[in-house]
Amino acid sequence: MCTVLFIFILKLIIIVCIMFIAIFGGDFVITYVMDRMRKKAEEDLEDKIKKLKKEHKEISNDTKKQDYLKEKILNREDELEDCKPTDCEKKMATYIGILERTMYIGVWLVDFPAFIGAWLVVKIVGKWPNRNSGRIDRFLIGTGLSVSIAVFSAFIIKEYIAPKMLDNILDLLF
């Protein structure tokens, strides 16, 4: 009896550790990947702006082309500004990601993965009205990474650490 209780407690501790790593460690991984992508996008836009400004300076006699290039420069500068999230947006993304990974692990462990699909539909529909192609791409990549980390963690817990443990707990509760 004592050995069974010890193994149960040990498995519970391992499960909590895996969830903690997935939920909070996943945030570090996703933040790192997203920051790298954002910086690359910013660098690319800054290079395009520099090239357009150089081309704009070189043209002196064609006012139509100058106006066209000036408009293009302004559009690129707006894109660059949209590329940079505010501190509030970063914090909210972190909190939402932590909540989502917790939900994803939970619903996967109780065999209700359809919730993940429903949640993703709600999330994407909510983002759709103000779709900026660069931002929505990063949003989808971040969401995909979050789902992948959570589902992988839940799979490890369910298949290798506690295949029958969760069923036994659910039978006791319901």
N, C-alpha and C. Protein backbone atom coordinates (compact mmCIF):
# COMPACT_ATOMS: atom_id res chain seq x y z
N MET A 1 0.83 -1.20 0.00
CA MET A 1 0.00 0.00 0.00
C MET A 1 0.87 1.26 0.00
N CYS A 2 1.90 1.24 0.80
CA CYS A 2 2.79 2.40 0.91
C CYS A 2 3.52 2.63 -0.42
N THR A 3 3.92 1.55 -1.09
CA THR A 3 4.61 1.66 -2.37
C THR A 3 3.69 2.24 -3.44
N VAL A 4 2.43 1.82 -3.43
CA VAL A 4 1.46 2.32 -4.40
C VAL A 4 1.25 3.82 -4.19
N LEU A 5 1.12 4.23 -2.95
CA LEU A 5 0.95 5.65 -2.64
C LEU A 5 2.18 6.45 -3.05
N PHE A 6 3.35 5.91 -2.79
CA PHE A 6 4.59 6.58 -3.17
C PHE A 6 4.67 6.75 -4.69
N ILE A 7 4.35 5.70 -5.43
CA ILE A 7 4.39 5.78 -6.90
C ILE A 7 3.36 6.78 -7.40
N PHE A 8 2.18 6.79 -6.79
CA PHE A 8 1.15 7.75 -7.17
C PHE A 8 1.63 9.18 -6.96
N ILE A 9 2.19 9.45 -5.81
CA ILE A 9 2.69 10.80 -5.50
C ILE A 9 3.84 11.18 -6.42
N LEU A 10 4.73 10.23 -6.71
CA LEU A 10 5.85 10.49 -7.61
C LEU A 10 5.34 10.83 -9.02
N LYS A 11 4.37 10.07 -9.50
CA LYS A 11 3.80 10.36 -10.82
C LYS A 11 3.12 11.72 -10.83
N LEU A 12 2.44 12.04 -9.76
CA LEU A 12 1.77 13.34 -9.66
C LEU A 12 2.79 14.47 -9.71
N ILE A 13 3.89 14.32 -9.03
CA ILE A 13 4.96 15.33 -9.05
C ILE A 13 5.54 15.47 -10.46
N ILE A 14 5.76 14.34 -11.14
CA ILE A 14 6.29 14.38 -12.50
C ILE A 14 5.30 15.07 -13.43
N ILE A 15 4.03 14.77 -13.28
CA ILE A 15 3.00 15.41 -14.11
C ILE A 15 2.99 16.92 -13.89
N VAL A 16 3.05 17.34 -12.63
CA VAL A 16 3.06 18.77 -12.33
C VAL A 16 4.30 19.43 -12.93
N CYS A 17 5.44 18.76 -12.86
CA CYS A 17 6.68 19.31 -13.43
C CYS A 17 6.57 19.45 -14.94
N ILE A 18 6.04 18.43 -15.61
CA ILE A 18 5.89 18.49 -17.06
C ILE A 18 4.93 19.62 -17.44
N MET A 19 3.84 19.74 -16.72
CA MET A 19 2.88 20.81 -17.01
C MET A 19 3.52 22.18 -16.79
N PHE A 20 4.27 22.32 -15.71
CA PHE A 20 4.93 23.59 -15.40
C PHE A 20 5.91 23.95 -16.52
N ILE A 21 6.69 22.97 -16.95
CA ILE A 21 7.66 23.21 -18.03
C ILE A 21 6.94 23.58 -19.32
N ALA A 22 5.87 22.86 -19.64
CA ALA A 22 5.13 23.14 -20.88
C ALA A 22 4.47 24.51 -20.84
N ILE A 23 3.87 24.83 -19.70
CA ILE A 23 3.10 26.07 -19.61
C ILE A 23 4.03 27.29 -19.56
N PHE A 24 5.00 27.26 -18.65
CA PHE A 24 5.85 28.44 -18.48
C PHE A 24 7.12 28.38 -19.35
N GLY A 25 7.70 27.20 -19.50
CA GLY A 25 8.86 27.07 -20.39
C GLY A 25 8.47 27.29 -21.84
N GLY A 26 7.26 26.85 -22.18
CA GLY A 26 6.75 27.08 -23.53
C GLY A 26 6.69 28.56 -23.85
N ASP A 27 6.39 29.36 -22.84
CA ASP A 27 6.33 30.81 -23.06
C ASP A 27 7.70 31.36 -23.46
N PHE A 28 8.75 30.88 -22.83
CA PHE A 28 10.09 31.34 -23.18
C PHE A 28 10.45 30.94 -24.61
N VAL A 29 10.13 29.70 -24.97
CA VAL A 29 10.44 29.22 -26.32
C VAL A 29 9.68 30.04 -27.36
N ILE A 30 8.39 30.21 -27.14
CA ILE A 30 7.56 30.93 -28.10
C ILE A 30 7.99 32.40 -28.18
N THR A 31 8.27 33.02 -27.05
CA THR A 31 8.72 34.42 -27.05
C THR A 31 10.02 34.55 -27.83
N TYR A 32 10.94 33.62 -27.63
CA TYR A 32 12.22 33.67 -28.34
C TYR A 32 12.00 33.56 -29.85
N VAL A 33 11.22 32.58 -30.27
CA VAL A 33 10.97 32.37 -31.70
C VAL A 33 10.27 33.58 -32.30
N MET A 34 9.26 34.09 -31.61
CA MET A 34 8.48 35.22 -32.14
C MET A 34 9.34 36.49 -32.21
N ASP A 35 10.17 36.71 -31.20
CA ASP A 35 11.05 37.89 -31.23
C ASP A 35 12.05 37.82 -32.39
N ARG A 36 12.58 36.62 -32.64
CA ARG A 36 13.50 36.46 -33.77
C ARG A 36 12.79 36.74 -35.10
N MET A 37 11.57 36.22 -35.24
CA MET A 37 10.81 36.46 -36.47
C MET A 37 10.49 37.94 -36.64
N ARG A 38 10.08 38.57 -35.55
CA ARG A 38 9.72 39.99 -35.61
C ARG A 38 10.94 40.84 -35.97
N LYS A 39 12.07 40.54 -35.37
CA LYS A 39 13.29 41.31 -35.67
C LYS A 39 13.71 41.13 -37.13
N LYS A 40 13.58 39.92 -37.64
CA LYS A 40 13.91 39.68 -39.05
C LYS A 40 12.98 40.47 -39.96
N ALA A 41 11.68 40.47 -39.63
CA ALA A 41 10.71 41.22 -40.43
C ALA A 41 11.02 42.71 -40.37
N GLU A 42 11.39 43.21 -39.19
CA GLU A 42 11.73 44.63 -39.05
C GLU A 42 12.97 44.97 -39.86
N GLU A 43 13.98 44.11 -39.81
CA GLU A 43 15.20 44.36 -40.58
C GLU A 43 14.91 44.40 -42.08
N ASP A 44 14.09 43.46 -42.54
CA ASP A 44 13.73 43.43 -43.96
C ASP A 44 13.00 44.71 -44.37
N LEU A 45 12.07 45.15 -43.55
CA LEU A 45 11.33 46.37 -43.86
C LEU A 45 12.25 47.59 -43.83
N GLU A 46 13.16 47.65 -42.86
CA GLU A 46 14.09 48.77 -42.79
C GLU A 46 14.99 48.81 -44.03
N ASP A 47 15.43 47.64 -44.49
CA ASP A 47 16.24 47.59 -45.72
C ASP A 47 15.45 48.10 -46.92
N LYS A 48 14.19 47.68 -47.03
CA LYS A 48 13.35 48.13 -48.15
C LYS A 48 13.14 49.65 -48.09
N ILE A 49 12.94 50.17 -46.89
CA ILE A 49 12.76 51.63 -46.73
C ILE A 49 14.03 52.37 -47.15
N LYS A 50 15.19 51.86 -46.74
CA LYS A 50 16.46 52.50 -47.12
C LYS A 50 16.64 52.51 -48.63
N LYS A 51 16.32 51.39 -49.27
CA LYS A 51 16.46 51.32 -50.74
C LYS A 51 15.51 52.29 -51.42
N LEU A 52 14.28 52.36 -50.92
CA LEU A 52 13.31 53.29 -51.51
C LEU A 52 13.73 54.74 -51.31
N LYS A 53 14.26 55.06 -50.14
CA LYS A 53 14.71 56.43 -49.88
C LYS A 53 15.90 56.78 -50.77
N LYS A 54 16.79 55.83 -50.96
CA LYS A 54 17.94 56.06 -51.84
C LYS A 54 17.47 56.30 -53.27
N GLU A 55 16.54 55.47 -53.72
CA GLU A 55 15.99 55.61 -55.07
C GLU A 55 15.25 56.95 -55.20
N HIS A 56 14.57 57.35 -54.13
CA HIS A 56 13.83 58.62 -54.14
C HIS A 56 14.79 59.81 -54.28
N LYS A 57 15.94 59.75 -53.62
CA LYS A 57 16.93 60.83 -53.71
C LYS A 57 17.56 60.90 -55.10
N GLU A 58 17.74 59.75 -55.72
CA GLU A 58 18.40 59.71 -57.03
C GLU A 58 17.52 60.27 -58.14
N ILE A 59 16.23 60.22 -57.97
CA ILE A 59 15.31 60.73 -58.99
C ILE A 59 15.03 62.19 -58.69
N SER A 60 15.36 63.06 -59.61
CA SER A 60 15.13 64.48 -59.36
C SER A 60 14.15 65.10 -60.36
N ASN A 61 14.05 64.53 -61.54
CA ASN A 61 13.24 65.19 -62.57
C ASN A 61 11.85 64.58 -62.75
N ASP A 62 11.58 63.41 -62.25
CA ASP A 62 10.30 62.74 -62.44
C ASP A 62 9.47 62.84 -61.15
N THR A 63 8.59 63.85 -61.11
CA THR A 63 7.81 64.08 -59.88
C THR A 63 6.78 62.98 -59.62
N LYS A 64 6.23 62.40 -60.70
CA LYS A 64 5.27 61.32 -60.51
C LYS A 64 5.93 60.12 -59.82
N LYS A 65 7.11 59.79 -60.28
CA LYS A 65 7.83 58.67 -59.68
C LYS A 65 8.26 59.01 -58.25
N GLN A 66 8.63 60.27 -58.01
CA GLN A 66 8.99 60.69 -56.66
C GLN A 66 7.79 60.55 -55.72
N ASP A 67 6.63 60.99 -56.17
CA ASP A 67 5.41 60.88 -55.35
C ASP A 67 5.06 59.42 -55.08
N TYR A 68 5.20 58.61 -56.12
CA TYR A 68 4.93 57.18 -55.98
C TYR A 68 5.87 56.56 -54.94
N LEU A 69 7.16 56.88 -55.04
CA LEU A 69 8.13 56.33 -54.10
C LEU A 69 7.90 56.84 -52.68
N LYS A 70 7.52 58.13 -52.58
CA LYS A 70 7.25 58.69 -51.26
C LYS A 70 6.07 57.96 -50.60
N GLU A 71 5.04 57.68 -51.39
CA GLU A 71 3.88 56.94 -50.88
C GLU A 71 4.28 55.53 -50.45
N LYS A 72 5.12 54.90 -51.26
CA LYS A 72 5.59 53.56 -50.94
C LYS A 72 6.42 53.56 -49.65
N ILE A 73 7.25 54.58 -49.48
CA ILE A 73 8.06 54.71 -48.26
C ILE A 73 7.14 54.84 -47.05
N LEU A 74 6.13 55.69 -47.16
CA LEU A 74 5.20 55.88 -46.04
C LEU A 74 4.47 54.58 -45.70
N ASN A 75 4.07 53.84 -46.73
CA ASN A 75 3.40 52.56 -46.50
C ASN A 75 4.32 51.57 -45.77
N ARG A 76 5.57 51.51 -46.20
CA ARG A 76 6.53 50.61 -45.56
C ARG A 76 6.80 51.04 -44.12
N GLU A 77 6.87 52.34 -43.88
CA GLU A 77 7.09 52.82 -42.51
C GLU A 77 5.89 52.48 -41.63
N ASP A 78 4.68 52.55 -42.19
CA ASP A 78 3.49 52.13 -41.44
C ASP A 78 3.54 50.63 -41.12
N GLU A 79 3.97 49.84 -42.10
CA GLU A 79 4.12 48.40 -41.87
C GLU A 79 5.11 48.13 -40.76
N LEU A 80 6.21 48.87 -40.77
CA LEU A 80 7.25 48.70 -39.76
C LEU A 80 6.70 49.05 -38.38
N GLU A 81 5.90 50.10 -38.31
CA GLU A 81 5.30 50.49 -37.03
C GLU A 81 4.31 49.43 -36.54
N ASP A 82 3.54 48.85 -37.47
CA ASP A 82 2.59 47.79 -37.10
C ASP A 82 3.30 46.52 -36.65
N CYS A 83 4.52 46.36 -37.09
CA CYS A 83 5.30 45.16 -36.78
C CYS A 83 5.70 45.12 -35.31
N LYS A 84 5.78 46.27 -34.67
CA LYS A 84 6.28 46.36 -33.30
C LYS A 84 5.12 46.33 -32.31
N PRO A 85 5.03 45.26 -31.52
CA PRO A 85 3.94 45.20 -30.53
C PRO A 85 4.26 46.08 -29.32
N THR A 86 3.22 46.54 -28.66
CA THR A 86 3.40 47.33 -27.45
C THR A 86 3.69 46.39 -26.29
N ASP A 87 4.15 46.95 -25.17
CA ASP A 87 4.40 46.13 -23.99
C ASP A 87 3.11 45.47 -23.50
N CYS A 88 2.02 46.19 -23.60
CA CYS A 88 0.72 45.64 -23.19
C CYS A 88 0.36 44.43 -24.05
N GLU A 89 0.57 44.54 -25.35
CA GLU A 89 0.26 43.41 -26.25
C GLU A 89 1.14 42.20 -25.93
N LYS A 90 2.41 42.45 -25.61
CA LYS A 90 3.31 41.34 -25.27
C LYS A 90 2.86 40.65 -23.99
N LYS A 91 2.49 41.44 -22.98
CA LYS A 91 2.04 40.86 -21.71
C LYS A 91 0.75 40.06 -21.89
N MET A 92 -0.18 40.63 -22.65
CA MET A 92 -1.45 39.92 -22.88
C MET A 92 -1.21 38.62 -23.65
N ALA A 93 -0.32 38.64 -24.62
CA ALA A 93 -0.01 37.42 -25.37
C ALA A 93 0.59 36.36 -24.44
N THR A 94 1.43 36.79 -23.51
CA THR A 94 2.02 35.86 -22.54
C THR A 94 0.95 35.25 -21.66
N TYR A 95 0.07 36.07 -21.11
CA TYR A 95 -0.99 35.56 -20.22
C TYR A 95 -1.95 34.64 -20.98
N ILE A 96 -2.32 35.03 -22.17
CA ILE A 96 -3.23 34.20 -22.97
C ILE A 96 -2.55 32.87 -23.30
N GLY A 97 -1.27 32.92 -23.66
CA GLY A 97 -0.54 31.69 -23.97
C GLY A 97 -0.46 30.74 -22.79
N ILE A 98 -0.22 31.28 -21.60
CA ILE A 98 -0.17 30.45 -20.39
C ILE A 98 -1.54 29.81 -20.15
N LEU A 99 -2.58 30.60 -20.25
CA LEU A 99 -3.94 30.07 -20.07
C LEU A 99 -4.26 29.01 -21.13
N GLU A 100 -3.92 29.29 -22.36
CA GLU A 100 -4.23 28.35 -23.44
C GLU A 100 -3.48 27.03 -23.27
N ARG A 101 -2.20 27.09 -22.97
CA ARG A 101 -1.45 25.83 -22.81
C ARG A 101 -2.02 25.01 -21.66
N THR A 102 -2.45 25.69 -20.60
CA THR A 102 -3.10 24.98 -19.49
C THR A 102 -4.38 24.32 -19.97
N MET A 103 -5.20 25.04 -20.72
CA MET A 103 -6.45 24.48 -21.24
C MET A 103 -6.17 23.33 -22.20
N TYR A 104 -5.22 23.52 -23.10
CA TYR A 104 -4.93 22.48 -24.10
C TYR A 104 -4.49 21.18 -23.43
N ILE A 105 -3.62 21.30 -22.44
CA ILE A 105 -3.17 20.09 -21.73
C ILE A 105 -4.36 19.43 -21.04
N GLY A 106 -5.16 20.23 -20.36
CA GLY A 106 -6.31 19.68 -19.64
C GLY A 106 -7.30 18.98 -20.55
N VAL A 107 -7.68 19.61 -21.64
CA VAL A 107 -8.67 19.00 -22.52
C VAL A 107 -8.11 17.78 -23.23
N TRP A 108 -6.81 17.77 -23.50
CA TRP A 108 -6.22 16.59 -24.13
C TRP A 108 -6.20 15.42 -23.15
N LEU A 109 -5.91 15.72 -21.88
CA LEU A 109 -5.86 14.65 -20.87
C LEU A 109 -7.23 14.04 -20.60
N VAL A 110 -8.29 14.81 -20.73
CA VAL A 110 -9.64 14.27 -20.49
C VAL A 110 -10.32 13.86 -21.79
N ASP A 111 -9.55 13.67 -22.84
CA ASP A 111 -10.05 13.19 -24.13
C ASP A 111 -11.14 14.07 -24.74
N PHE A 112 -10.90 15.36 -24.77
CA PHE A 112 -11.83 16.28 -25.41
C PHE A 112 -11.07 17.23 -26.33
N PRO A 113 -10.31 16.67 -27.30
CA PRO A 113 -9.48 17.53 -28.16
C PRO A 113 -10.29 18.42 -29.10
N ALA A 114 -11.57 18.14 -29.27
CA ALA A 114 -12.40 19.00 -30.14
C ALA A 114 -12.46 20.42 -29.59
N PHE A 115 -12.30 20.57 -28.28
CA PHE A 115 -12.30 21.90 -27.68
C PHE A 115 -11.16 22.75 -28.25
N ILE A 116 -10.02 22.13 -28.51
CA ILE A 116 -8.87 22.87 -29.06
C ILE A 116 -9.25 23.47 -30.40
N GLY A 117 -9.89 22.67 -31.26
CA GLY A 117 -10.32 23.18 -32.56
C GLY A 117 -11.32 24.30 -32.43
N ALA A 118 -12.28 24.14 -31.53
CA ALA A 118 -13.29 25.18 -31.32
C ALA A 118 -12.64 26.46 -30.81
N TRP A 119 -11.71 26.33 -29.88
CA TRP A 119 -11.02 27.51 -29.33
C TRP A 119 -10.23 28.23 -30.42
N LEU A 120 -9.56 27.46 -31.28
CA LEU A 120 -8.78 28.07 -32.35
C LEU A 120 -9.67 28.82 -33.34
N VAL A 121 -10.84 28.27 -33.62
CA VAL A 121 -11.78 28.96 -34.51
C VAL A 121 -12.19 30.29 -33.90
N VAL A 122 -12.56 30.28 -32.62
CA VAL A 122 -12.95 31.52 -31.93
C VAL A 122 -11.80 32.52 -31.94
N LYS A 123 -10.61 32.04 -31.68
CA LYS A 123 -9.43 32.91 -31.63
C LYS A 123 -9.14 33.55 -32.99
N ILE A 124 -9.20 32.77 -34.05
CA ILE A 124 -8.89 33.27 -35.38
C ILE A 124 -9.99 34.19 -35.89
N VAL A 125 -11.23 33.85 -35.63
CA VAL A 125 -12.34 34.71 -36.04
C VAL A 125 -12.23 36.06 -35.34
N GLY A 126 -11.81 36.06 -34.08
CA GLY A 126 -11.64 37.32 -33.34
C GLY A 126 -10.54 38.19 -33.90
N LYS A 127 -9.51 37.58 -34.46
CA LYS A 127 -8.39 38.33 -35.03
C LYS A 127 -8.65 38.77 -36.47
N TRP A 128 -9.58 38.11 -37.14
CA TRP A 128 -9.74 38.31 -38.58
C TRP A 128 -10.08 39.74 -39.00
N PRO A 129 -10.95 40.49 -38.30
CA PRO A 129 -11.30 41.83 -38.79
C PRO A 129 -10.12 42.77 -38.97
N ASN A 130 -9.14 42.73 -38.08
CA ASN A 130 -7.99 43.62 -38.24
C ASN A 130 -6.77 42.80 -38.64
N ARG A 131 -6.90 42.17 -39.79
CA ARG A 131 -5.82 41.30 -40.26
C ARG A 131 -4.72 42.10 -40.95
N ASN A 132 -3.59 42.05 -40.38
CA ASN A 132 -2.37 42.57 -40.98
C ASN A 132 -1.58 41.31 -41.31
N SER A 133 -1.25 41.09 -42.56
CA SER A 133 -0.71 39.79 -42.98
C SER A 133 0.51 39.36 -42.16
N GLY A 134 1.40 40.29 -41.85
CA GLY A 134 2.57 39.94 -41.06
C GLY A 134 2.21 39.56 -39.64
N ARG A 135 1.31 40.32 -39.05
CA ARG A 135 0.91 40.04 -37.68
C ARG A 135 0.10 38.76 -37.57
N ILE A 136 -0.81 38.53 -38.51
CA ILE A 136 -1.65 37.33 -38.44
C ILE A 136 -0.79 36.09 -38.67
N ASP A 137 0.25 36.19 -39.50
CA ASP A 137 1.15 35.06 -39.70
C ASP A 137 1.88 34.72 -38.40
N ARG A 138 2.41 35.74 -37.75
CA ARG A 138 3.11 35.51 -36.48
C ARG A 138 2.14 34.99 -35.42
N PHE A 139 0.92 35.51 -35.42
CA PHE A 139 -0.11 35.05 -34.50
C PHE A 139 -0.38 33.56 -34.70
N LEU A 140 -0.51 33.14 -35.95
CA LEU A 140 -0.78 31.73 -36.24
C LEU A 140 0.41 30.84 -35.87
N ILE A 141 1.61 31.33 -36.11
CA ILE A 141 2.80 30.54 -35.75
C ILE A 141 2.90 30.40 -34.24
N GLY A 142 2.69 31.50 -33.51
CA GLY A 142 2.73 31.44 -32.05
C GLY A 142 1.67 30.50 -31.50
N THR A 143 0.47 30.57 -32.06
CA THR A 143 -0.61 29.69 -31.63
C THR A 143 -0.28 28.24 -31.94
N GLY A 144 0.27 27.99 -33.12
CA GLY A 144 0.66 26.62 -33.49
C GLY A 144 1.72 26.06 -32.56
N LEU A 145 2.71 26.89 -32.22
CA LEU A 145 3.74 26.45 -31.28
C LEU A 145 3.14 26.15 -29.91
N SER A 146 2.23 26.99 -29.47
CA SER A 146 1.59 26.81 -28.17
C SER A 146 0.80 25.50 -28.13
N VAL A 147 0.02 25.26 -29.16
CA VAL A 147 -0.76 24.01 -29.23
C VAL A 147 0.17 22.81 -29.28
N SER A 148 1.22 22.89 -30.07
CA SER A 148 2.16 21.77 -30.21
C SER A 148 2.83 21.43 -28.89
N ILE A 149 3.30 22.43 -28.18
CA ILE A 149 3.96 22.20 -26.89
C ILE A 149 2.98 21.56 -25.91
N ALA A 150 1.78 22.08 -25.83
CA ALA A 150 0.78 21.57 -24.88
C ALA A 150 0.35 20.15 -25.22
N VAL A 151 0.05 19.89 -26.47
CA VAL A 151 -0.41 18.56 -26.87
C VAL A 151 0.71 17.53 -26.70
N PHE A 152 1.93 17.90 -27.03
CA PHE A 152 3.05 16.99 -26.84
C PHE A 152 3.21 16.65 -25.36
N SER A 153 3.13 17.65 -24.50
CA SER A 153 3.25 17.42 -23.06
C SER A 153 2.12 16.53 -22.54
N ALA A 154 0.91 16.81 -22.98
CA ALA A 154 -0.24 16.00 -22.55
C ALA A 154 -0.08 14.56 -23.06
N PHE A 155 0.42 14.39 -24.25
CA PHE A 155 0.63 13.05 -24.80
C PHE A 155 1.64 12.28 -23.95
N ILE A 156 2.74 12.93 -23.59
CA ILE A 156 3.76 12.29 -22.76
C ILE A 156 3.15 11.88 -21.41
N ILE A 157 2.39 12.78 -20.81
CA ILE A 157 1.76 12.48 -19.52
C ILE A 157 0.81 11.30 -19.66
N LYS A 158 -0.05 11.39 -20.65
CA LYS A 158 -1.12 10.39 -20.80
C LYS A 158 -0.60 9.01 -21.22
N GLU A 159 0.35 8.97 -22.13
CA GLU A 159 0.78 7.69 -22.68
C GLU A 159 1.91 7.03 -21.88
N TYR A 160 2.78 7.82 -21.28
CA TYR A 160 3.96 7.22 -20.67
C TYR A 160 4.01 7.33 -19.15
N ILE A 161 3.52 8.40 -18.59
CA ILE A 161 3.66 8.58 -17.15
C ILE A 161 2.46 8.03 -16.40
N ALA A 162 1.29 8.35 -16.86
CA ALA A 162 0.09 7.96 -16.11
C ALA A 162 -1.03 7.50 -17.03
N PRO A 163 -0.82 6.40 -17.75
CA PRO A 163 -1.86 6.01 -18.70
C PRO A 163 -3.20 5.69 -18.05
N LYS A 164 -3.21 5.08 -16.89
CA LYS A 164 -4.48 4.73 -16.23
C LYS A 164 -4.78 5.63 -15.03
N MET A 165 -3.81 6.38 -14.60
CA MET A 165 -3.96 7.20 -13.40
C MET A 165 -5.09 8.22 -13.56
N LEU A 166 -5.12 8.89 -14.68
CA LEU A 166 -6.15 9.92 -14.89
C LEU A 166 -7.54 9.31 -15.01
N ASP A 167 -7.65 8.14 -15.63
CA ASP A 167 -8.94 7.46 -15.71
C ASP A 167 -9.44 7.08 -14.31
N ASN A 168 -8.54 6.59 -13.47
CA ASN A 168 -8.92 6.22 -12.11
C ASN A 168 -9.39 7.44 -11.31
N ILE A 169 -8.69 8.57 -11.47
CA ILE A 169 -9.08 9.79 -10.76
C ILE A 169 -10.46 10.27 -11.26
N LEU A 170 -10.68 10.23 -12.58
CA LEU A 170 -11.96 10.65 -13.13
C LEU A 170 -13.09 9.72 -12.68
N ASP A 171 -12.80 8.42 -12.57
CA ASP A 171 -13.81 7.48 -12.08
C ASP A 171 -14.19 7.78 -10.63
N LEU A 172 -13.18 8.16 -9.84
CA LEU A 172 -13.47 8.50 -8.44
C LEU A 172 -14.30 9.77 -8.33
N LEU A 173 -14.04 10.73 -9.21
CA LEU A 173 -14.75 12.01 -9.13
C LEU A 173 -16.16 11.93 -9.69
N PHE A 174 -16.36 11.15 -10.73
CA PHE A 174 -17.67 11.14 -11.39
C PHE A 174 -18.33 9.81 -11.23
